[in-house]
Amino acid sequence: MASFGRKQGAAMASNLLKTLTGRSSNFRSNARSFSGVGSTEVVTSHTDKWMQDISKKSPMELINEVPPIKVEGRIAACEGDTDPALGHPIEYICLDLDEPAVCKYCGLRFVQDHHH
């Protein structure tokens, strides 16, 4: 019964792609090209265009301007934002080291707040 559901889902996705692209093709072979993920031209030209505008700061520059967040205790929980729709999966970060720990999703830095 589960395999029937998967087959039906794949057929629906394939029909959706046919409708959107105007081509009949196999879902598996076309998903990457349809999304643009496999196209290095798109990524390169978009990145080049974005990097030419020096009036705007890069995301890494913006996140590095945020000072490390002080946390009581040894573990920080990062969700990226207080609004779940704008955040990321919860990441538990160990703060045992002296240098700031970095969230792997958003780049926010956390340090243990020592009261002594």
PDB file of N, CA and C in Angstrom:
ATOM      1  N   MET A   1       0.824  -1.194   0.000  1.00  0.00           N
ATOM      2  CA  MET A   1       0.000   0.000   0.000  1.00  0.00           C
ATOM      3  C   MET A   1       0.865   1.254   0.000  1.00  0.00           C
ATOM      4  N   ALA A   2       1.982   1.251   0.756  1.00  0.00           N
ATOM      5  CA  ALA A   2       2.858   2.419   0.793  1.00  0.00           C
ATOM      6  C   ALA A   2       3.519   2.661  -0.552  1.00  0.00           C
ATOM      7  N   SER A   3       3.880   1.572  -1.272  1.00  0.00           N
ATOM      8  CA  SER A   3       4.524   1.748  -2.572  1.00  0.00           C
ATOM      9  C   SER A   3       3.539   2.339  -3.582  1.00  0.00           C
ATOM     10  N   PHE A   4       2.252   2.009  -3.463  1.00  0.00           N
ATOM     11  CA  PHE A   4       1.255   2.609  -4.338  1.00  0.00           C
ATOM     12  C   PHE A   4       1.201   4.121  -4.133  1.00  0.00           C
ATOM     13  N   GLY A   5       1.272   4.569  -2.882  1.00  0.00           N
ATOM     14  CA  GLY A   5       1.243   5.996  -2.587  1.00  0.00           C
ATOM     15  C   GLY A   5       2.447   6.727  -3.154  1.00  0.00           C
ATOM     16  N   ARG A   6       3.623   6.095  -3.064  1.00  0.00           N
ATOM     17  CA  ARG A   6       4.834   6.713  -3.618  1.00  0.00           C
ATOM     18  C   ARG A   6       4.754   6.808  -5.132  1.00  0.00           C
ATOM     19  N   LYS A   7       4.265   5.729  -5.771  1.00  0.00           N
ATOM     20  CA  LYS A   7       4.144   5.734  -7.229  1.00  0.00           C
ATOM     21  C   LYS A   7       3.165   6.811  -7.670  1.00  0.00           C
ATOM     22  N   GLN A   8       2.062   6.921  -6.947  1.00  0.00           N
ATOM     23  CA  GLN A   8       1.063   7.923  -7.278  1.00  0.00           C
ATOM     24  C   GLN A   8       1.632   9.332  -7.082  1.00  0.00           C
ATOM     25  N   GLY A   9       2.408   9.534  -6.001  1.00  0.00           N
ATOM     26  CA  GLY A   9       3.028  10.833  -5.755  1.00  0.00           C
ATOM     27  C   GLY A   9       4.030  11.199  -6.833  1.00  0.00           C
ATOM     28  N   ALA A  10       4.834  10.216  -7.269  1.00  0.00           N
ATOM     29  CA  ALA A  10       5.814  10.472  -8.330  1.00  0.00           C
ATOM     30  C   ALA A  10       5.111  10.813  -9.633  1.00  0.00           C
ATOM     31  N   ALA A  11       3.987  10.128  -9.908  1.00  0.00           N
ATOM     32  CA  ALA A  11       3.243  10.414 -11.131  1.00  0.00           C
ATOM     33  C   ALA A  11       2.653  11.819 -11.080  1.00  0.00           C
ATOM     34  N   MET A  12       2.146  12.210  -9.921  1.00  0.00           N
ATOM     35  CA  MET A  12       1.592  13.559  -9.776  1.00  0.00           C
ATOM     36  C   MET A  12       2.682  14.615  -9.965  1.00  0.00           C
ATOM     37  N   ALA A  13       3.858  14.365  -9.386  1.00  0.00           N
ATOM     38  CA  ALA A  13       4.966  15.309  -9.535  1.00  0.00           C
ATOM     39  C   ALA A  13       5.414  15.403 -10.984  1.00  0.00           C
ATOM     40  N   SER A  14       5.446  14.257 -11.667  1.00  0.00           N
ATOM     41  CA  SER A  14       5.842  14.248 -13.070  1.00  0.00           C
ATOM     42  C   SER A  14       4.844  15.032 -13.917  1.00  0.00           C
ATOM     43  N   ASN A  15       3.555  14.845 -13.633  1.00  0.00           N
ATOM     44  CA  ASN A  15       2.526  15.598 -14.365  1.00  0.00           C
ATOM     45  C   ASN A  15       2.636  17.093 -14.091  1.00  0.00           C
ATOM     46  N   LEU A  16       2.948  17.452 -12.852  1.00  0.00           N
ATOM     47  CA  LEU A  16       3.121  18.864 -12.516  1.00  0.00           C
ATOM     48  C   LEU A  16       4.292  19.463 -13.291  1.00  0.00           C
ATOM     49  N   LEU A  17       5.398  18.726 -13.362  1.00  0.00           N
ATOM     50  CA  LEU A  17       6.548  19.211 -14.129  1.00  0.00           C
ATOM     51  C   LEU A  17       6.214  19.357 -15.606  1.00  0.00           C
ATOM     52  N   LYS A  18       5.461  18.396 -16.153  1.00  0.00           N
ATOM     53  CA  LYS A  18       5.055  18.497 -17.553  1.00  0.00           C
ATOM     54  C   LYS A  18       4.244  19.769 -17.776  1.00  0.00           C
ATOM     55  N   THR A  19       3.346  20.046 -16.855  1.00  0.00           N
ATOM     56  CA  THR A  19       2.505  21.235 -16.967  1.00  0.00           C
ATOM     57  C   THR A  19       3.332  22.509 -16.873  1.00  0.00           C
ATOM     58  N   LEU A  20       4.266  22.553 -15.915  1.00  0.00           N
ATOM     59  CA  LEU A  20       5.061  23.759 -15.701  1.00  0.00           C
ATOM     60  C   LEU A  20       6.087  24.010 -16.792  1.00  0.00           C
ATOM     61  N   THR A  21       6.707  22.932 -17.284  1.00  0.00           N
ATOM     62  CA  THR A  21       7.784  23.100 -18.265  1.00  0.00           C
ATOM     63  C   THR A  21       7.315  22.970 -19.703  1.00  0.00           C
ATOM     64  N   GLY A  22       6.130  22.377 -19.889  1.00  0.00           N
ATOM     65  CA  GLY A  22       5.640  22.182 -21.246  1.00  0.00           C
ATOM     66  C   GLY A  22       6.315  21.026 -21.950  1.00  0.00           C
ATOM     67  N   ARG A  23       7.049  20.201 -21.222  1.00  0.00           N
ATOM     68  CA  ARG A  23       7.758  19.053 -21.799  1.00  0.00           C
ATOM     69  C   ARG A  23       7.297  17.791 -21.098  1.00  0.00           C
ATOM     70  N   SER A  24       7.331  16.696 -21.812  1.00  0.00           N
ATOM     71  CA  SER A  24       7.098  15.415 -21.154  1.00  0.00           C
ATOM     72  C   SER A  24       8.456  14.797 -20.897  1.00  0.00           C
ATOM     73  N   SER A  25       8.726  14.473 -19.647  1.00  0.00           N
ATOM     74  CA  SER A  25      10.021  13.902 -19.304  1.00  0.00           C
ATOM     75  C   SER A  25       9.911  13.150 -17.999  1.00  0.00           C
ATOM     76  N   ASN A  26      10.982  12.479 -17.666  1.00  0.00           N
ATOM     77  CA  ASN A  26      11.037  11.700 -16.431  1.00  0.00           C
ATOM     78  C   ASN A  26      11.282  12.646 -15.259  1.00  0.00           C
ATOM     79  N   PHE A  27      10.530  12.491 -14.179  1.00  0.00           N
ATOM     80  CA  PHE A  27      10.641  13.361 -13.005  1.00  0.00           C
ATOM     81  C   PHE A  27      12.045  13.356 -12.419  1.00  0.00           C
ATOM     82  N   ARG A  28      12.633  12.190 -12.257  1.00  0.00           N
ATOM     83  CA  ARG A  28      13.939  12.090 -11.606  1.00  0.00           C
ATOM     84  C   ARG A  28      15.028  12.802 -12.398  1.00  0.00           C
ATOM     85  N   SER A  29      15.024  12.681 -13.705  1.00  0.00           N
ATOM     86  CA  SER A  29      16.091  13.291 -14.492  1.00  0.00           C
ATOM     87  C   SER A  29      15.894  14.787 -14.664  1.00  0.00           C
ATOM     88  N   ASN A  30      14.666  15.271 -14.506  1.00  0.00           N
ATOM     89  CA  ASN A  30      14.408  16.674 -14.761  1.00  0.00           C
ATOM     90  C   ASN A  30      14.351  17.545 -13.520  1.00  0.00           C
ATOM     91  N   ALA A  31      14.234  16.962 -12.344  1.00  0.00           N
ATOM     92  CA  ALA A  31      14.054  17.760 -11.137  1.00  0.00           C
ATOM     93  C   ALA A  31      15.221  18.717 -10.904  1.00  0.00           C
ATOM     94  N   ARG A  32      16.442  18.252 -11.084  1.00  0.00           N
ATOM     95  CA  ARG A  32      17.605  19.094 -10.838  1.00  0.00           C
ATOM     96  C   ARG A  32      17.694  20.211 -11.870  1.00  0.00           C
ATOM     97  N   SER A  33      17.484  19.898 -13.142  1.00  0.00           N
ATOM     98  CA  SER A  33      17.596  20.941 -14.160  1.00  0.00           C
ATOM     99  C   SER A  33      16.464  21.953 -14.038  1.00  0.00           C
ATOM    100  N   PHE A  34      15.279  21.509 -13.620  1.00  0.00           N
ATOM    101  CA  PHE A  34      14.152  22.417 -13.453  1.00  0.00           C
ATOM    102  C   PHE A  34      14.399  23.396 -12.311  1.00  0.00           C
ATOM    103  N   SER A  35      15.038  22.917 -11.234  1.00  0.00           N
ATOM    104  CA  SER A  35      15.261  23.778 -10.074  1.00  0.00           C
ATOM    105  C   SER A  35      16.408  24.753 -10.278  1.00  0.00           C
ATOM    106  N   GLY A  36      17.287  24.498 -11.253  1.00  0.00           N
ATOM    107  CA  GLY A  36      18.420  25.375 -11.478  1.00  0.00           C
ATOM    108  C   GLY A  36      19.612  25.046 -10.603  1.00  0.00           C
ATOM    109  N   VAL A  37      19.505  24.009  -9.752  1.00  0.00           N
ATOM    110  CA  VAL A  37      20.590  23.664  -8.844  1.00  0.00           C
ATOM    111  C   VAL A  37      21.800  23.186  -9.608  1.00  0.00           C
ATOM    112  N   GLY A  38      21.581  22.433 -10.686  1.00  0.00           N
ATOM    113  CA  GLY A  38      22.691  21.871 -11.430  1.00  0.00           C
ATOM    114  C   GLY A  38      23.327  22.837 -12.403  1.00  0.00           C
ATOM    115  N   SER A  39      22.775  23.997 -12.580  1.00  0.00           N
ATOM    116  CA  SER A  39      23.276  24.947 -13.557  1.00  0.00           C
ATOM    117  C   SER A  39      24.327  25.857 -12.940  1.00  0.00           C
ATOM    118  N   THR A  40      25.597  25.683 -13.345  1.00  0.00           N
ATOM    119  CA  THR A  40      26.656  26.532 -12.804  1.00  0.00           C
ATOM    120  C   THR A  40      26.591  27.935 -13.386  1.00  0.00           C
ATOM    121  N   GLU A  41      26.010  28.076 -14.580  1.00  0.00           N
ATOM    122  CA  GLU A  41      25.870  29.405 -15.167  1.00  0.00           C
ATOM    123  C   GLU A  41      25.017  30.308 -14.291  1.00  0.00           C
ATOM    124  N   VAL A  42      23.899  29.779 -13.832  1.00  0.00           N
ATOM    125  CA  VAL A  42      22.989  30.566 -13.004  1.00  0.00           C
ATOM    126  C   VAL A  42      23.672  30.974 -11.710  1.00  0.00           C
ATOM    127  N   VAL A  43      24.326  30.031 -11.046  1.00  0.00           N
ATOM    128  CA  VAL A  43      24.978  30.313  -9.775  1.00  0.00           C
ATOM    129  C   VAL A  43      26.107  31.309  -9.971  1.00  0.00           C
ATOM    130  N   THR A  44      26.944  31.101 -10.976  1.00  0.00           N
ATOM    131  CA  THR A  44      28.086  31.973 -11.210  1.00  0.00           C
ATOM    132  C   THR A  44      27.640  33.387 -11.568  1.00  0.00           C
ATOM    133  N   SER A  45      26.703  33.526 -12.495  1.00  0.00           N
ATOM    134  CA  SER A  45      26.299  34.866 -12.900  1.00  0.00           C
ATOM    135  C   SER A  45      25.578  35.587 -11.765  1.00  0.00           C
ATOM    136  N   HIS A  46      24.751  34.864 -11.007  1.00  0.00           N
ATOM    137  CA  HIS A  46      24.059  35.487  -9.880  1.00  0.00           C
ATOM    138  C   HIS A  46      25.070  35.934  -8.822  1.00  0.00           C
ATOM    139  N   THR A  47      26.028  35.064  -8.492  1.00  0.00           N
ATOM    140  CA  THR A  47      27.040  35.392  -7.486  1.00  0.00           C
ATOM    141  C   THR A  47      27.894  36.558  -7.949  1.00  0.00           C
ATOM    142  N   ASP A  48      28.329  36.530  -9.201  1.00  0.00           N
ATOM    143  CA  ASP A  48      29.134  37.631  -9.731  1.00  0.00           C
ATOM    144  C   ASP A  48      28.374  38.948  -9.676  1.00  0.00           C
ATOM    145  N   LYS A  49      27.112  38.924 -10.069  1.00  0.00           N
ATOM    146  CA  LYS A  49      26.300  40.138 -10.056  1.00  0.00           C
ATOM    147  C   LYS A  49      26.134  40.661  -8.631  1.00  0.00           C
ATOM    148  N   TRP A  50      25.891  39.746  -7.679  1.00  0.00           N
ATOM    149  CA  TRP A  50      25.682  40.135  -6.287  1.00  0.00           C
ATOM    150  C   TRP A  50      26.959  40.696  -5.678  1.00  0.00           C
ATOM    151  N   MET A  51      28.109  40.109  -6.005  1.00  0.00           N
ATOM    152  CA  MET A  51      29.388  40.547  -5.437  1.00  0.00           C
ATOM    153  C   MET A  51      29.867  41.866  -6.034  1.00  0.00           C
ATOM    154  N   GLN A  52      29.369  42.265  -7.195  1.00  0.00           N
ATOM    155  CA  GLN A  52      29.778  43.532  -7.806  1.00  0.00           C
ATOM    156  C   GLN A  52      29.215  44.734  -7.057  1.00  0.00           C
ATOM    157  N   ASP A  53      28.103  44.568  -6.393  1.00  0.00           N
ATOM    158  CA  ASP A  53      27.472  45.673  -5.671  1.00  0.00           C
ATOM    159  C   ASP A  53      28.168  45.828  -4.318  1.00  0.00           C
ATOM    160  N   ILE A  54      29.168  46.705  -4.261  1.00  0.00           N
ATOM    161  CA  ILE A  54      29.947  46.861  -3.027  1.00  0.00           C
ATOM    162  C   ILE A  54      29.277  47.796  -2.026  1.00  0.00           C
ATOM    163  N   SER A  55      28.132  48.380  -2.412  1.00  0.00           N
ATOM    164  CA  SER A  55      27.423  49.256  -1.479  1.00  0.00           C
ATOM    165  C   SER A  55      26.698  48.453  -0.406  1.00  0.00           C
ATOM    166  N   LYS A  56      26.459  47.167  -0.652  1.00  0.00           N
ATOM    167  CA  LYS A  56      25.769  46.306   0.309  1.00  0.00           C
ATOM    168  C   LYS A  56      26.763  45.368   0.959  1.00  0.00           C
ATOM    169  N   LYS A  57      26.519  45.067   2.230  1.00  0.00           N
ATOM    170  CA  LYS A  57      27.381  44.130   2.943  1.00  0.00           C
ATOM    171  C   LYS A  57      26.935  42.702   2.650  1.00  0.00           C
ATOM    172  N   SER A  58      27.896  41.800   2.662  1.00  0.00           N
ATOM    173  CA  SER A  58      27.574  40.389   2.458  1.00  0.00           C
ATOM    174  C   SER A  58      26.887  39.837   3.702  1.00  0.00           C
ATOM    175  N   PRO A  59      26.184  38.727   3.596  1.00  0.00           N
ATOM    176  CA  PRO A  59      25.557  38.128   4.775  1.00  0.00           C
ATOM    177  C   PRO A  59      26.565  37.814   5.885  1.00  0.00           C
ATOM    178  N   MET A  60      27.742  37.370   5.526  1.00  0.00           N
ATOM    179  CA  MET A  60      28.763  37.065   6.536  1.00  0.00           C
ATOM    180  C   MET A  60      29.217  38.336   7.256  1.00  0.00           C
ATOM    181  N   GLU A  61      29.347  39.434   6.536  1.00  0.00           N
ATOM    182  CA  GLU A  61      29.719  40.695   7.179  1.00  0.00           C
ATOM    183  C   GLU A  61      28.630  41.158   8.141  1.00  0.00           C
ATOM    184  N   LEU A  62      27.378  40.994   7.722  1.00  0.00           N
ATOM    185  CA  LEU A  62      26.264  41.400   8.578  1.00  0.00           C
ATOM    186  C   LEU A  62      26.187  40.557   9.846  1.00  0.00           C
ATOM    187  N   ILE A  63      26.350  39.245   9.734  1.00  0.00           N
ATOM    188  CA  ILE A  63      26.247  38.381  10.907  1.00  0.00           C
ATOM    189  C   ILE A  63      27.441  38.578  11.837  1.00  0.00           C
ATOM    190  N   ASN A  64      28.599  38.937  11.294  1.00  0.00           N
ATOM    191  CA  ASN A  64      29.775  39.176  12.140  1.00  0.00           C
ATOM    192  C   ASN A  64      29.667  40.470  12.936  1.00  0.00           C
ATOM    193  N   GLU A  65      28.774  41.369  12.538  1.00  0.00           N
ATOM    194  CA  GLU A  65      28.554  42.596  13.297  1.00  0.00           C
ATOM    195  C   GLU A  65      27.748  42.347  14.564  1.00  0.00           C
ATOM    196  N   VAL A  66      27.037  41.222  14.624  1.00  0.00           N
ATOM    197  CA  VAL A  66      26.257  40.880  15.816  1.00  0.00           C
ATOM    198  C   VAL A  66      27.234  40.369  16.883  1.00  0.00           C
ATOM    199  N   PRO A  67      27.269  41.005  18.064  1.00  0.00           N
ATOM    200  CA  PRO A  67      28.201  40.541  19.106  1.00  0.00           C
ATOM    201  C   PRO A  67      27.796  39.153  19.610  1.00  0.00           C
ATOM    202  N   PRO A  68      28.750  38.386  20.126  1.00  0.00           N
ATOM    203  CA  PRO A  68      28.413  37.064  20.668  1.00  0.00           C
ATOM    204  C   PRO A  68      27.336  37.175  21.751  1.00  0.00           C
ATOM    205  N   ILE A  69      26.411  36.248  21.740  1.00  0.00           N
ATOM    206  CA  ILE A  69      25.299  36.241  22.678  1.00  0.00           C
ATOM    207  C   ILE A  69      25.733  35.513  23.942  1.00  0.00           C
ATOM    208  N   LYS A  70      25.583  36.162  25.103  1.00  0.00           N
ATOM    209  CA  LYS A  70      25.964  35.556  26.374  1.00  0.00           C
ATOM    210  C   LYS A  70      24.838  34.650  26.864  1.00  0.00           C
ATOM    211  N   VAL A  71      25.218  33.441  27.296  1.00  0.00           N
ATOM    212  CA  VAL A  71      24.249  32.432  27.719  1.00  0.00           C
ATOM    213  C   VAL A  71      24.638  31.919  29.093  1.00  0.00           C
ATOM    214  N   GLU A  72      23.655  31.827  29.988  1.00  0.00           N
ATOM    215  CA  GLU A  72      23.895  31.204  31.284  1.00  0.00           C
ATOM    216  C   GLU A  72      23.822  29.700  31.090  1.00  0.00           C
ATOM    217  N   GLY A  73      24.796  28.984  31.576  1.00  0.00           N
ATOM    218  CA  GLY A  73      24.820  27.533  31.414  1.00  0.00           C
ATOM    219  C   GLY A  73      25.806  27.112  30.341  1.00  0.00           C
ATOM    220  N   ARG A  74      25.844  25.806  30.095  1.00  0.00           N
ATOM    221  CA  ARG A  74      26.827  25.242  29.175  1.00  0.00           C
ATOM    222  C   ARG A  74      26.285  24.979  27.782  1.00  0.00           C
ATOM    223  N   ILE A  75      24.968  25.062  27.590  1.00  0.00           N
ATOM    224  CA  ILE A  75      24.356  24.738  26.304  1.00  0.00           C
ATOM    225  C   ILE A  75      23.506  25.915  25.827  1.00  0.00           C
ATOM    226  N   ALA A  76      23.703  26.287  24.556  1.00  0.00           N
ATOM    227  CA  ALA A  76      22.871  27.317  23.927  1.00  0.00           C
ATOM    228  C   ALA A  76      21.949  26.626  22.931  1.00  0.00           C
ATOM    229  N   ALA A  77      20.747  27.130  22.800  1.00  0.00           N
ATOM    230  CA  ALA A  77      19.797  26.620  21.805  1.00  0.00           C
ATOM    231  C   ALA A  77      19.519  27.746  20.816  1.00  0.00           C
ATOM    232  N   CYS A  78      19.882  27.535  19.566  1.00  0.00           N
ATOM    233  CA  CYS A  78      19.692  28.564  18.541  1.00  0.00           C
ATOM    234  C   CYS A  78      18.603  28.117  17.572  1.00  0.00           C
ATOM    235  N   GLU A  79      17.647  29.013  17.322  1.00  0.00           N
ATOM    236  CA  GLU A  79      16.597  28.764  16.334  1.00  0.00           C
ATOM    237  C   GLU A  79      16.661  29.771  15.190  1.00  0.00           C
ATOM    238  N   GLY A  80      17.643  30.670  15.233  1.00  0.00           N
ATOM    239  CA  GLY A  80      17.824  31.638  14.161  1.00  0.00           C
ATOM    240  C   GLY A  80      16.958  32.872  14.273  1.00  0.00           C
ATOM    241  N   ASP A  81      15.743  32.723  14.769  1.00  0.00           N
ATOM    242  CA  ASP A  81      14.831  33.850  14.897  1.00  0.00           C
ATOM    243  C   ASP A  81      13.736  33.457  15.877  1.00  0.00           C
ATOM    244  N   THR A  82      13.091  34.445  16.469  1.00  0.00           N
ATOM    245  CA  THR A  82      11.997  34.145  17.388  1.00  0.00           C
ATOM    246  C   THR A  82      10.748  33.691  16.639  1.00  0.00           C
ATOM    247  N   ASP A  83      10.636  34.034  15.358  1.00  0.00           N
ATOM    248  CA  ASP A  83       9.525  33.593  14.522  1.00  0.00           C
ATOM    249  C   ASP A  83       9.925  32.283  13.838  1.00  0.00           C
ATOM    250  N   PRO A  84       9.230  31.175  14.119  1.00  0.00           N
ATOM    251  CA  PRO A  84       9.600  29.883  13.523  1.00  0.00           C
ATOM    252  C   PRO A  84       9.614  29.892  11.995  1.00  0.00           C
ATOM    253  N   ALA A  85       8.804  30.732  11.374  1.00  0.00           N
ATOM    254  CA  ALA A  85       8.777  30.784   9.920  1.00  0.00           C
ATOM    255  C   ALA A  85      10.052  31.388   9.345  1.00  0.00           C
ATOM    256  N   LEU A  86      10.771  32.162  10.128  1.00  0.00           N
ATOM    257  CA  LEU A  86      11.987  32.815   9.643  1.00  0.00           C
ATOM    258  C   LEU A  86      13.257  32.155  10.154  1.00  0.00           C
ATOM    259  N   GLY A  87      13.134  31.216  11.058  1.00  0.00           N
ATOM    260  CA  GLY A  87      14.303  30.610  11.689  1.00  0.00           C
ATOM    261  C   GLY A  87      14.813  29.387  10.949  1.00  0.00           C
ATOM    262  N   HIS A  88      15.423  28.489  11.712  1.00  0.00           N
ATOM    263  CA  HIS A  88      15.977  27.247  11.184  1.00  0.00           C
ATOM    264  C   HIS A  88      15.752  26.159  12.229  1.00  0.00           C
ATOM    265  N   PRO A  89      16.074  24.901  11.897  1.00  0.00           N
ATOM    266  CA  PRO A  89      15.924  23.838  12.904  1.00  0.00           C
ATOM    267  C   PRO A  89      16.729  24.175  14.161  1.00  0.00           C
ATOM    268  N   ILE A  90      16.216  23.778  15.300  1.00  0.00           N
ATOM    269  CA  ILE A  90      16.896  24.106  16.556  1.00  0.00           C
ATOM    270  C   ILE A  90      18.262  23.425  16.608  1.00  0.00           C
ATOM    271  N   GLU A  91      19.256  24.178  16.997  1.00  0.00           N
ATOM    272  CA  GLU A  91      20.639  23.692  17.095  1.00  0.00           C
ATOM    273  C   GLU A  91      21.095  23.888  18.537  1.00  0.00           C
ATOM    274  N   TYR A  92      21.467  22.785  19.188  1.00  0.00           N
ATOM    275  CA  TYR A  92      21.999  22.854  20.548  1.00  0.00           C
ATOM    276  C   TYR A  92      23.516  22.957  20.453  1.00  0.00           C
ATOM    277  N   ILE A  93      24.078  23.976  21.088  1.00  0.00           N
ATOM    278  CA  ILE A  93      25.501  24.278  20.941  1.00  0.00           C
ATOM    279  C   ILE A  93      26.177  24.208  22.302  1.00  0.00           C
ATOM    280  N   CYS A  94      27.243  23.420  22.386  1.00  0.00           N
ATOM    281  CA  CYS A  94      28.013  23.283  23.625  1.00  0.00           C
ATOM    282  C   CYS A  94      28.961  24.473  23.767  1.00  0.00           C
ATOM    283  N   LEU A  95      28.983  25.070  24.953  1.00  0.00           N
ATOM    284  CA  LEU A  95      29.784  26.278  25.182  1.00  0.00           C
ATOM    285  C   LEU A  95      30.965  26.022  26.109  1.00  0.00           C
ATOM    286  N   ASP A  96      31.500  24.819  26.129  1.00  0.00           N
ATOM    287  CA  ASP A  96      32.598  24.483  27.033  1.00  0.00           C
ATOM    288  C   ASP A  96      33.922  25.148  26.653  1.00  0.00           C
ATOM    289  N   LEU A  97      34.103  25.520  25.416  1.00  0.00           N
ATOM    290  CA  LEU A  97      35.360  26.139  24.987  1.00  0.00           C
ATOM    291  C   LEU A  97      35.361  27.628  25.314  1.00  0.00           C
ATOM    292  N   ASP A  98      36.548  28.220  25.376  1.00  0.00           N
ATOM    293  CA  ASP A  98      36.663  29.646  25.705  1.00  0.00           C
ATOM    294  C   ASP A  98      36.226  30.563  24.564  1.00  0.00           C
ATOM    295  N   GLU A  99      36.476  30.149  23.316  1.00  0.00           N
ATOM    296  CA  GLU A  99      36.099  30.998  22.188  1.00  0.00           C
ATOM    297  C   GLU A  99      34.609  30.827  21.870  1.00  0.00           C
ATOM    298  N   PRO A 100      34.016  31.818  21.220  1.00  0.00           N
ATOM    299  CA  PRO A 100      32.588  31.732  20.906  1.00  0.00           C
ATOM    300  C   PRO A 100      32.274  30.514  20.029  1.00  0.00           C
ATOM    301  N   ALA A 101      31.149  29.864  20.320  1.00  0.00           N
ATOM    302  CA  ALA A 101      30.665  28.754  19.498  1.00  0.00           C
ATOM    303  C   ALA A 101      29.733  29.329  18.443  1.00  0.00           C
ATOM    304  N   VAL A 102      29.770  28.774  17.248  1.00  0.00           N
ATOM    305  CA  VAL A 102      29.023  29.319  16.115  1.00  0.00           C
ATOM    306  C   VAL A 102      27.916  28.357  15.697  1.00  0.00           C
ATOM    307  N   CYS A 103      26.727  28.906  15.462  1.00  0.00           N
ATOM    308  CA  CYS A 103      25.610  28.112  14.954  1.00  0.00           C
ATOM    309  C   CYS A 103      25.897  27.751  13.500  1.00  0.00           C
ATOM    310  N   LYS A 104      25.755  26.479  13.168  1.00  0.00           N
ATOM    311  CA  LYS A 104      26.077  26.034  11.807  1.00  0.00           C
ATOM    312  C   LYS A 104      25.047  26.478  10.776  1.00  0.00           C
ATOM    313  N   TYR A 105      23.856  26.890  11.217  1.00  0.00           N
ATOM    314  CA  TYR A 105      22.827  27.331  10.278  1.00  0.00           C
ATOM    315  C   TYR A 105      22.899  28.824   9.975  1.00  0.00           C
ATOM    316  N   CYS A 106      22.981  29.652  11.004  1.00  0.00           N
ATOM    317  CA  CYS A 106      22.862  31.102  10.780  1.00  0.00           C
ATOM    318  C   CYS A 106      24.133  31.883  11.096  1.00  0.00           C
ATOM    319  N   GLY A 107      25.100  31.271  11.761  1.00  0.00           N
ATOM    320  CA  GLY A 107      26.355  31.953  12.041  1.00  0.00           C
ATOM    321  C   GLY A 107      26.373  32.778  13.311  1.00  0.00           C
ATOM    322  N   LEU A 108      25.263  32.805  14.059  1.00  0.00           N
ATOM    323  CA  LEU A 108      25.280  33.534  15.334  1.00  0.00           C
ATOM    324  C   LEU A 108      26.304  32.902  16.264  1.00  0.00           C
ATOM    325  N   ARG A 109      26.951  33.735  17.054  1.00  0.00           N
ATOM    326  CA  ARG A 109      27.977  33.259  17.984  1.00  0.00           C
ATOM    327  C   ARG A 109      27.453  33.310  19.410  1.00  0.00           C
ATOM    328  N   PHE A 110      27.848  32.328  20.224  1.00  0.00           N
ATOM    329  CA  PHE A 110      27.407  32.222  21.606  1.00  0.00           C
ATOM    330  C   PHE A 110      28.611  32.008  22.510  1.00  0.00           C
ATOM    331  N   VAL A 111      28.582  32.629  23.698  1.00  0.00           N
ATOM    332  CA  VAL A 111      29.613  32.422  24.710  1.00  0.00           C
ATOM    333  C   VAL A 111      28.933  32.172  26.053  1.00  0.00           C
ATOM    334  N   GLN A 112      29.631  31.443  26.904  1.00  0.00           N
ATOM    335  CA  GLN A 112      29.097  31.173  28.241  1.00  0.00           C
ATOM    336  C   GLN A 112      29.324  32.392  29.097  1.00  0.00           C
ATOM    337  N   ASP A 113      28.272  32.848  29.782  1.00  0.00           N
ATOM    338  CA  ASP A 113      28.363  34.012  30.660  1.00  0.00           C
ATOM    339  C   ASP A 113      28.792  33.547  32.037  1.00  0.00           C
ATOM    340  N   HIS A 114      30.048  33.852  32.401  1.00  0.00           N
ATOM    341  CA  HIS A 114      30.581  33.479  33.710  1.00  0.00           C
ATOM    342  C   HIS A 114      30.308  34.612  34.699  1.00  0.00           C
ATOM    343  N   HIS A 115      29.620  34.298  35.770  1.00  0.00           N
ATOM    344  CA  HIS A 115      29.272  35.328  36.759  1.00  0.00           C
ATOM    345  C   HIS A 115      30.367  35.529  37.796  1.00  0.00           C
ATOM    346  N   HIS A 116      31.379  34.703  37.795  1.00  0.00           N
ATOM    347  CA  HIS A 116      32.412  34.780  38.841  1.00  0.00           C
ATOM    348  C   HIS A 116      33.422  35.848  38.534  1.00  0.00           C
TER     349      HIS A 116
END
